[in-house]
């Protein structure tokens, strides 16, 4: 019974960690024009994807985001003043093993409260994108998981040895916007994420949302954006 309970808690923690929000790293270079008089059409950067049902779905997501910015969707590439070139993919994955450095050989947490309590706060240190050392506090114990941004979004603690193995996939979305008929580049964006799934149907919509959060962004800036999941009815 005790082992079954631990197994259920571990599964719940992993589920919470992978569905509570997907952290993405987004880099953008842009000299986007004002929306007045500008129209766009979304095309696949890889001709092999153009016309596929998969690209049709993802292209519609990008089109909706562009329209939300105030740009007009053209009826064809020839009628557009800008072409939005989209590409996406996910790698084959790699196996990773992580452990809790705050967990001692006796199986006790070195936190601020009693190790026999479930769900207490403890300090976690990390470095921000400028290299500065920061401290935050996370809820620990059975039934609690957390991720620490881009560096390790899938770490969680469960059981006595606090060690877990999983397959990590890296996905990416590239969006380039160019003037039609050989005009200059207006936008270059890349969104990357790590996940424990390689399902493009789940990954790409999140990457699209991350790409267009704060669009078009500051020229040359790389930001970390966590996409919150939609509430289920």
C-alpha atoms as a PDB file:
ATOM      1  CA  UNK A   1       0.000   0.000   0.000  1.00  0.00           C
ATOM      2  CA  UNK A   2       2.794   2.440   0.899  1.00  0.00           C
ATOM      3  CA  UNK A   3       4.638   1.802  -2.400  1.00  0.00           C
ATOM      4  CA  UNK A   4       1.417   2.248  -4.366  1.00  0.00           C
ATOM      5  CA  UNK A   5       0.812   5.567  -2.613  1.00  0.00           C
ATOM      6  CA  UNK A   6       4.340   6.774  -3.453  1.00  0.00           C
ATOM      7  CA  UNK A   7       3.879   5.751  -7.090  1.00  0.00           C
ATOM      8  CA  UNK A   8       0.617   7.691  -7.323  1.00  0.00           C
ATOM      9  CA  UNK A   9       2.184  10.786  -5.748  1.00  0.00           C
ATOM     10  CA  UNK A  10       5.165  10.648  -8.154  1.00  0.00           C
ATOM     11  CA  UNK A  11       2.857  10.417 -11.151  1.00  0.00           C
ATOM     12  CA  UNK A  12       0.780  13.340  -9.900  1.00  0.00           C
ATOM     13  CA  UNK A  13       3.896  15.461  -9.350  1.00  0.00           C
ATOM     14  CA  UNK A  14       5.184  14.783 -12.858  1.00  0.00           C
ATOM     15  CA  UNK A  15       1.798  15.607 -14.340  1.00  0.00           C
ATOM     16  CA  UNK A  16       1.628  18.881 -12.421  1.00  0.00           C
ATOM     17  CA  UNK A  17       5.143  19.791 -13.501  1.00  0.00           C
ATOM     18  CA  UNK A  18       4.533  19.254 -17.199  1.00  0.00           C
ATOM     19  CA  UNK A  19       1.082  20.879 -17.329  1.00  0.00           C
ATOM     20  CA  UNK A  20       1.482  23.849 -14.980  1.00  0.00           C
ATOM     21  CA  UNK A  21       3.251  25.871 -17.667  1.00  0.00           C
ATOM     22  CA  UNK A  22       5.842  25.445 -20.404  1.00  0.00           C
ATOM     23  CA  UNK A  23       8.915  27.691 -20.102  1.00  0.00           C
ATOM     24  CA  UNK A  24      10.274  28.852 -23.473  1.00  0.00           C
ATOM     25  CA  UNK A  25      13.297  30.876 -24.476  1.00  0.00           C
ATOM     26  CA  UNK A  26      12.439  33.430 -27.166  1.00  0.00           C
ATOM     27  CA  UNK A  27      14.911  35.456 -29.241  1.00  0.00           C
ATOM     28  CA  UNK A  28      13.659  38.210 -31.551  1.00  0.00           C
ATOM     29  CA  UNK A  29      15.242  40.656 -34.000  1.00  0.00           C
ATOM     30  CA  UNK A  30      12.848  43.092 -35.564  1.00  0.00           C
ATOM     31  CA  UNK A  31      12.199  46.260 -37.490  1.00  0.00           C
ATOM     32  CA  UNK A  32       8.490  45.702 -37.929  1.00  0.00           C
ATOM     33  CA  UNK A  33       6.468  48.430 -39.635  1.00  0.00           C
ATOM     34  CA  UNK A  34       3.271  49.998 -38.305  1.00  0.00           C
ATOM     35  CA  UNK A  35       0.148  47.982 -39.062  1.00  0.00           C
ATOM     36  CA  UNK A  36      -1.441  50.622 -41.328  1.00  0.00           C
ATOM     37  CA  UNK A  37      -1.604  49.399 -44.910  1.00  0.00           C
ATOM     38  CA  UNK A  38       0.305  46.195 -44.158  1.00  0.00           C
ATOM     39  CA  UNK A  39      -0.968  42.722 -45.013  1.00  0.00           C
ATOM     40  CA  UNK A  40       0.535  39.269 -44.537  1.00  0.00           C
ATOM     41  CA  UNK A  41       0.337  35.682 -45.675  1.00  0.00           C
ATOM     42  CA  UNK A  42       1.752  32.688 -43.783  1.00  0.00           C
ATOM     43  CA  UNK A  43       3.862  30.178 -45.718  1.00  0.00           C
ATOM     44  CA  UNK A  44       6.003  27.193 -44.740  1.00  0.00           C
ATOM     45  CA  UNK A  45       9.745  27.800 -44.717  1.00  0.00           C
ATOM     46  CA  UNK A  46      10.104  24.126 -45.704  1.00  0.00           C
ATOM     47  CA  UNK A  47       8.262  23.538 -49.015  1.00  0.00           C
ATOM     48  CA  UNK A  48       7.690  19.911 -47.989  1.00  0.00           C
ATOM     49  CA  UNK A  49       5.375  21.067 -45.184  1.00  0.00           C
ATOM     50  CA  UNK A  50       3.372  23.501 -47.304  1.00  0.00           C
ATOM     51  CA  UNK A  51      -0.126  22.166 -47.927  1.00  0.00           C
ATOM     52  CA  UNK A  52      -0.030  19.527 -45.185  1.00  0.00           C
ATOM     53  CA  UNK A  53      -2.899  19.378 -42.694  1.00  0.00           C
ATOM     54  CA  UNK A  54      -0.387  19.730 -39.870  1.00  0.00           C
ATOM     55  CA  UNK A  55       1.026  22.981 -41.263  1.00  0.00           C
ATOM     56  CA  UNK A  56      -2.463  24.235 -42.050  1.00  0.00           C
ATOM     57  CA  UNK A  57      -3.318  24.015 -38.348  1.00  0.00           C
ATOM     58  CA  UNK A  58      -0.122  25.688 -37.136  1.00  0.00           C
ATOM     59  CA  UNK A  59      -0.277  28.300 -39.896  1.00  0.00           C
ATOM     60  CA  UNK A  60      -3.771  29.258 -38.779  1.00  0.00           C
ATOM     61  CA  UNK A  61      -2.436  29.829 -35.247  1.00  0.00           C
ATOM     62  CA  UNK A  62       0.267  32.160 -36.541  1.00  0.00           C
ATOM     63  CA  UNK A  63      -2.235  33.949 -38.782  1.00  0.00           C
ATOM     64  CA  UNK A  64      -4.530  34.533 -35.811  1.00  0.00           C
ATOM     65  CA  UNK A  65      -1.644  36.007 -33.802  1.00  0.00           C
ATOM     66  CA  UNK A  66      -0.635  38.320 -36.666  1.00  0.00           C
ATOM     67  CA  UNK A  67      -4.234  39.457 -37.103  1.00  0.00           C
ATOM     68  CA  UNK A  68      -4.447  40.124 -33.363  1.00  0.00           C
ATOM     69  CA  UNK A  69      -1.500  42.507 -33.762  1.00  0.00           C
ATOM     70  CA  UNK A  70      -3.530  44.519 -36.290  1.00  0.00           C
ATOM     71  CA  UNK A  71      -2.075  43.245 -39.569  1.00  0.00           C
ATOM     72  CA  UNK A  72      -4.521  42.278 -42.336  1.00  0.00           C
ATOM     73  CA  UNK A  73      -4.517  38.737 -43.685  1.00  0.00           C
ATOM     74  CA  UNK A  74      -4.193  38.669 -47.482  1.00  0.00           C
ATOM     75  CA  UNK A  75      -6.048  36.200 -49.668  1.00  0.00           C
ATOM     76  CA  UNK A  76      -2.857  34.931 -51.328  1.00  0.00           C
ATOM     77  CA  UNK A  77       0.923  35.367 -51.101  1.00  0.00           C
ATOM     78  CA  UNK A  78       0.888  37.622 -54.163  1.00  0.00           C
ATOM     79  CA  UNK A  79      -1.555  40.012 -52.503  1.00  0.00           C
ATOM     80  CA  UNK A  80       0.430  40.347 -49.268  1.00  0.00           C
ATOM     81  CA  UNK A  81       2.951  43.058 -48.472  1.00  0.00           C
ATOM     82  CA  UNK A  82       4.704  40.681 -46.039  1.00  0.00           C
ATOM     83  CA  UNK A  83       5.370  36.939 -46.063  1.00  0.00           C
ATOM     84  CA  UNK A  84       5.464  35.132 -42.714  1.00  0.00           C
ATOM     85  CA  UNK A  85       7.753  32.113 -43.099  1.00  0.00           C
ATOM     86  CA  UNK A  86       7.212  29.465 -40.405  1.00  0.00           C
ATOM     87  CA  UNK A  87       9.190  26.361 -39.479  1.00  0.00           C
ATOM     88  CA  UNK A  88       9.028  24.045 -36.454  1.00  0.00           C
ATOM     89  CA  UNK A  89      10.387  20.740 -35.193  1.00  0.00           C
ATOM     90  CA  UNK A  90      11.380  18.572 -32.236  1.00  0.00           C
ATOM     91  CA  UNK A  91      14.493  16.438 -31.738  1.00  0.00           C
ATOM     92  CA  UNK A  92      14.678  12.718 -30.969  1.00  0.00           C
ATOM     93  CA  UNK A  93      15.142  13.288 -27.249  1.00  0.00           C
ATOM     94  CA  UNK A  94      17.848  12.451 -24.742  1.00  0.00           C
ATOM     95  CA  UNK A  95      17.765  10.552 -21.462  1.00  0.00           C
ATOM     96  CA  UNK A  96      18.392  12.570 -18.310  1.00  0.00           C
ATOM     97  CA  UNK A  97      18.693  11.740 -14.621  1.00  0.00           C
ATOM     98  CA  UNK A  98      18.237  14.401 -11.940  1.00  0.00           C
ATOM     99  CA  UNK A  99      18.481  14.313  -8.161  1.00  0.00           C
ATOM    100  CA  UNK A 100      17.762  16.642  -5.260  1.00  0.00           C
ATOM    101  CA  UNK A 101      21.033  18.142  -3.896  1.00  0.00           C
ATOM    102  CA  UNK A 102      19.226  19.229  -0.703  1.00  0.00           C
ATOM    103  CA  UNK A 103      18.246  15.671   0.192  1.00  0.00           C
ATOM    104  CA  UNK A 104      20.717  13.971   2.564  1.00  0.00           C
ATOM    105  CA  UNK A 105      21.687  10.305   2.817  1.00  0.00           C
ATOM    106  CA  UNK A 106      19.066   9.676   5.513  1.00  0.00           C
ATOM    107  CA  UNK A 107      16.270  10.742   3.216  1.00  0.00           C
ATOM    108  CA  UNK A 108      15.484  13.983   5.060  1.00  0.00           C
ATOM    109  CA  UNK A 109      14.973  17.403   3.577  1.00  0.00           C
ATOM    110  CA  UNK A 110      17.340  20.107   4.791  1.00  0.00           C
ATOM    111  CA  UNK A 111      14.636  22.772   4.650  1.00  0.00           C
ATOM    112  CA  UNK A 112      13.348  25.232   7.203  1.00  0.00           C
ATOM    113  CA  UNK A 113      10.634  23.063   8.736  1.00  0.00           C
ATOM    114  CA  UNK A 114      10.273  19.577  10.112  1.00  0.00           C
ATOM    115  CA  UNK A 115      11.092  16.861   7.529  1.00  0.00           C
ATOM    116  CA  UNK A 116       7.979  15.024   8.646  1.00  0.00           C
ATOM    117  CA  UNK A 117       5.679  17.765   7.371  1.00  0.00           C
ATOM    118  CA  UNK A 118       4.355  17.564   3.814  1.00  0.00           C
ATOM    119  CA  UNK A 119       4.680  20.734   1.785  1.00  0.00           C
ATOM    120  CA  UNK A 120       7.066  23.142   3.469  1.00  0.00           C
ATOM    121  CA  UNK A 121       9.134  25.982   2.027  1.00  0.00           C
ATOM    122  CA  UNK A 122      12.844  25.767   1.342  1.00  0.00           C
ATOM    123  CA  UNK A 123      15.302  28.079  -0.403  1.00  0.00           C
ATOM    124  CA  UNK A 124      16.484  27.369  -3.963  1.00  0.00           C
ATOM    125  CA  UNK A 125      19.302  29.327  -5.582  1.00  0.00           C
ATOM    126  CA  UNK A 126      19.631  30.035  -9.311  1.00  0.00           C
ATOM    127  CA  UNK A 127      21.259  32.490 -11.696  1.00  0.00           C
ATOM    128  CA  UNK A 128      19.253  34.824 -13.881  1.00  0.00           C
ATOM    129  CA  UNK A 129      20.094  35.576 -17.522  1.00  0.00           C
ATOM    130  CA  UNK A 130      22.510  38.298 -16.389  1.00  0.00           C
ATOM    131  CA  UNK A 131      24.471  35.831 -14.236  1.00  0.00           C
ATOM    132  CA  UNK A 132      23.272  37.271 -10.928  1.00  0.00           C
ATOM    133  CA  UNK A 133      22.691  34.824  -8.058  1.00  0.00           C
ATOM    134  CA  UNK A 134      19.046  34.818  -6.982  1.00  0.00           C
ATOM    135  CA  UNK A 135      17.085  33.044  -4.262  1.00  0.00           C
ATOM    136  CA  UNK A 136      13.503  31.849  -4.321  1.00  0.00           C
ATOM    137  CA  UNK A 137      11.435  29.561  -2.115  1.00  0.00           C
ATOM    138  CA  UNK A 138       9.613  26.457  -3.288  1.00  0.00           C
ATOM    139  CA  UNK A 139       7.055  24.175  -1.731  1.00  0.00           C
ATOM    140  CA  UNK A 140       8.551  20.740  -1.109  1.00  0.00           C
ATOM    141  CA  UNK A 141       7.412  17.355   0.137  1.00  0.00           C
ATOM    142  CA  UNK A 142       5.069  14.679  -1.179  1.00  0.00           C
ATOM    143  CA  UNK A 143       2.622  15.986  -3.729  1.00  0.00           C
ATOM    144  CA  UNK A 144       4.699  19.036  -4.671  1.00  0.00           C
ATOM    145  CA  UNK A 145       6.792  19.565  -7.782  1.00  0.00           C
ATOM    146  CA  UNK A 146       8.406  22.606  -9.338  1.00  0.00           C
ATOM    147  CA  UNK A 147      10.551  23.652 -12.229  1.00  0.00           C
ATOM    148  CA  UNK A 148      13.303  26.252 -12.204  1.00  0.00           C
ATOM    149  CA  UNK A 149      12.771  27.981 -15.532  1.00  0.00           C
ATOM    150  CA  UNK A 150      14.681  27.093 -18.675  1.00  0.00           C
ATOM    151  CA  UNK A 151      17.535  25.342 -16.840  1.00  0.00           C
ATOM    152  CA  UNK A 152      15.599  22.311 -15.570  1.00  0.00           C
ATOM    153  CA  UNK A 153      11.816  22.481 -15.973  1.00  0.00           C
ATOM    154  CA  UNK A 154      11.195  18.854 -14.991  1.00  0.00           C
ATOM    155  CA  UNK A 155      12.960  18.462 -11.671  1.00  0.00           C
ATOM    156  CA  UNK A 156      10.737  17.227  -8.864  1.00  0.00           C
ATOM    157  CA  UNK A 157      11.258  15.296  -5.660  1.00  0.00           C
ATOM    158  CA  UNK A 158       9.451  12.145  -4.639  1.00  0.00           C
ATOM    159  CA  UNK A 159      10.436   9.067  -2.677  1.00  0.00           C
ATOM    160  CA  UNK A 160      13.421   8.517  -0.409  1.00  0.00           C
ATOM    161  CA  UNK A 161      16.280   8.788  -2.917  1.00  0.00           C
ATOM    162  CA  UNK A 162      14.898  11.824  -4.784  1.00  0.00           C
ATOM    163  CA  UNK A 163      16.314  10.641  -8.133  1.00  0.00           C
ATOM    164  CA  UNK A 164      14.336  10.555 -11.365  1.00  0.00           C
ATOM    165  CA  UNK A 165      15.089   9.631 -14.962  1.00  0.00           C
ATOM    166  CA  UNK A 166      13.179  10.926 -17.967  1.00  0.00           C
ATOM    167  CA  UNK A 167      13.510  11.665 -21.694  1.00  0.00           C
ATOM    168  CA  UNK A 168      13.928  15.332 -22.530  1.00  0.00           C
ATOM    169  CA  UNK A 169      12.869  16.678 -25.930  1.00  0.00           C
ATOM    170  CA  UNK A 170      13.861  20.047 -27.377  1.00  0.00           C
ATOM    171  CA  UNK A 171      11.433  21.769 -29.702  1.00  0.00           C
ATOM    172  CA  UNK A 172      11.717  24.982 -31.674  1.00  0.00           C
ATOM    173  CA  UNK A 173       9.671  27.402 -33.727  1.00  0.00           C
ATOM    174  CA  UNK A 174      11.184  29.806 -36.269  1.00  0.00           C
ATOM    175  CA  UNK A 175       9.233  32.774 -37.640  1.00  0.00           C
ATOM    176  CA  UNK A 176      10.745  35.058 -40.290  1.00  0.00           C
ATOM    177  CA  UNK A 177       8.824  37.983 -41.761  1.00  0.00           C
ATOM    178  CA  UNK A 178      10.064  39.487 -45.025  1.00  0.00           C
ATOM    179  CA  UNK A 179       8.879  42.088 -47.467  1.00  0.00           C
ATOM    180  CA  UNK A 180       7.206  40.420 -50.426  1.00  0.00           C
ATOM    181  CA  UNK A 181       8.987  40.239 -53.780  1.00  0.00           C
ATOM    182  CA  UNK A 182      12.494  40.119 -52.371  1.00  0.00           C
ATOM    183  CA  UNK A 183      12.197  42.954 -49.883  1.00  0.00           C
ATOM    184  CA  UNK A 184      14.198  43.258 -46.639  1.00  0.00           C
ATOM    185  CA  UNK A 185      13.888  41.083 -43.551  1.00  0.00           C
ATOM    186  CA  UNK A 186      11.514  42.596 -41.003  1.00  0.00           C
ATOM    187  CA  UNK A 187      11.480  40.011 -38.205  1.00  0.00           C
ATOM    188  CA  UNK A 188      13.543  36.998 -37.141  1.00  0.00           C
ATOM    189  CA  UNK A 189      12.273  35.017 -34.177  1.00  0.00           C
ATOM    190  CA  UNK A 190      13.136  31.701 -32.540  1.00  0.00           C
ATOM    191  CA  UNK A 191      11.265  30.078 -29.656  1.00  0.00           C
ATOM    192  CA  UNK A 192      12.756  27.006 -27.953  1.00  0.00           C
ATOM    193  CA  UNK A 193      11.429  24.775 -25.203  1.00  0.00           C
ATOM    194  CA  UNK A 194      12.202  21.572 -23.330  1.00  0.00           C
ATOM    195  CA  UNK A 195       9.521  19.016 -22.594  1.00  0.00           C
ATOM    196  CA  UNK A 196       8.893  15.401 -21.708  1.00  0.00           C
ATOM    197  CA  UNK A 197       6.719  14.996 -24.801  1.00  0.00           C
ATOM    198  CA  UNK A 198       7.537  15.134 -28.505  1.00  0.00           C
ATOM    199  CA  UNK A 199       3.933  15.755 -29.543  1.00  0.00           C
ATOM    200  CA  UNK A 200       4.073  18.683 -31.987  1.00  0.00           C
ATOM    201  CA  UNK A 201       0.330  19.143 -31.624  1.00  0.00           C
ATOM    202  CA  UNK A 202       0.926  20.110 -28.005  1.00  0.00           C
ATOM    203  CA  UNK A 203       4.289  21.846 -28.369  1.00  0.00           C
ATOM    204  CA  UNK A 204       3.858  24.123 -31.379  1.00  0.00           C
ATOM    205  CA  UNK A 205       0.744  25.993 -30.128  1.00  0.00           C
ATOM    206  CA  UNK A 206       2.629  26.802 -26.898  1.00  0.00           C
ATOM    207  CA  UNK A 207       5.652  27.980 -28.881  1.00  0.00           C
ATOM    208  CA  UNK A 208       3.444  30.167 -31.068  1.00  0.00           C
ATOM    209  CA  UNK A 209       1.928  31.756 -27.961  1.00  0.00           C
ATOM    210  CA  UNK A 210       5.397  32.369 -26.516  1.00  0.00           C
ATOM    211  CA  UNK A 211       6.644  33.859 -29.800  1.00  0.00           C
ATOM    212  CA  UNK A 212       3.826  36.408 -29.955  1.00  0.00           C
ATOM    213  CA  UNK A 213       3.796  37.317 -26.265  1.00  0.00           C
ATOM    214  CA  UNK A 214       4.995  40.920 -26.215  1.00  0.00           C
ATOM    215  CA  UNK A 215       5.397  40.833 -30.015  1.00  0.00           C
ATOM    216  CA  UNK A 216       7.461  42.128 -31.727  1.00  0.00           C
ATOM    217  CA  UNK A 217       9.658  42.672 -28.681  1.00  0.00           C
ATOM    218  CA  UNK A 218      12.865  44.652 -28.372  1.00  0.00           C
ATOM    219  CA  UNK A 219      15.382  44.191 -31.160  1.00  0.00           C
ATOM    220  CA  UNK A 220      18.045  41.630 -30.222  1.00  0.00           C
ATOM    221  CA  UNK A 221      16.442  40.640 -26.916  1.00  0.00           C
ATOM    222  CA  UNK A 222      16.213  37.076 -25.570  1.00  0.00           C
ATOM    223  CA  UNK A 223      13.493  36.493 -22.980  1.00  0.00           C
ATOM    224  CA  UNK A 224      12.067  33.584 -21.010  1.00  0.00           C
ATOM    225  CA  UNK A 225       8.307  33.194 -21.297  1.00  0.00           C
ATOM    226  CA  UNK A 226       6.188  30.623 -19.468  1.00  0.00           C
ATOM    227  CA  UNK A 227       3.001  29.699 -21.286  1.00  0.00           C
ATOM    228  CA  UNK A 228       0.186  28.948 -18.867  1.00  0.00           C
ATOM    229  CA  UNK A 229      -2.167  26.107 -19.822  1.00  0.00           C
ATOM    230  CA  UNK A 230      -5.728  26.841 -20.734  1.00  0.00           C
ATOM    231  CA  UNK A 231      -8.320  26.090 -18.045  1.00  0.00           C
ATOM    232  CA  UNK A 232     -10.213  22.893 -18.677  1.00  0.00           C
ATOM    233  CA  UNK A 233     -14.020  22.980 -18.518  1.00  0.00           C
END
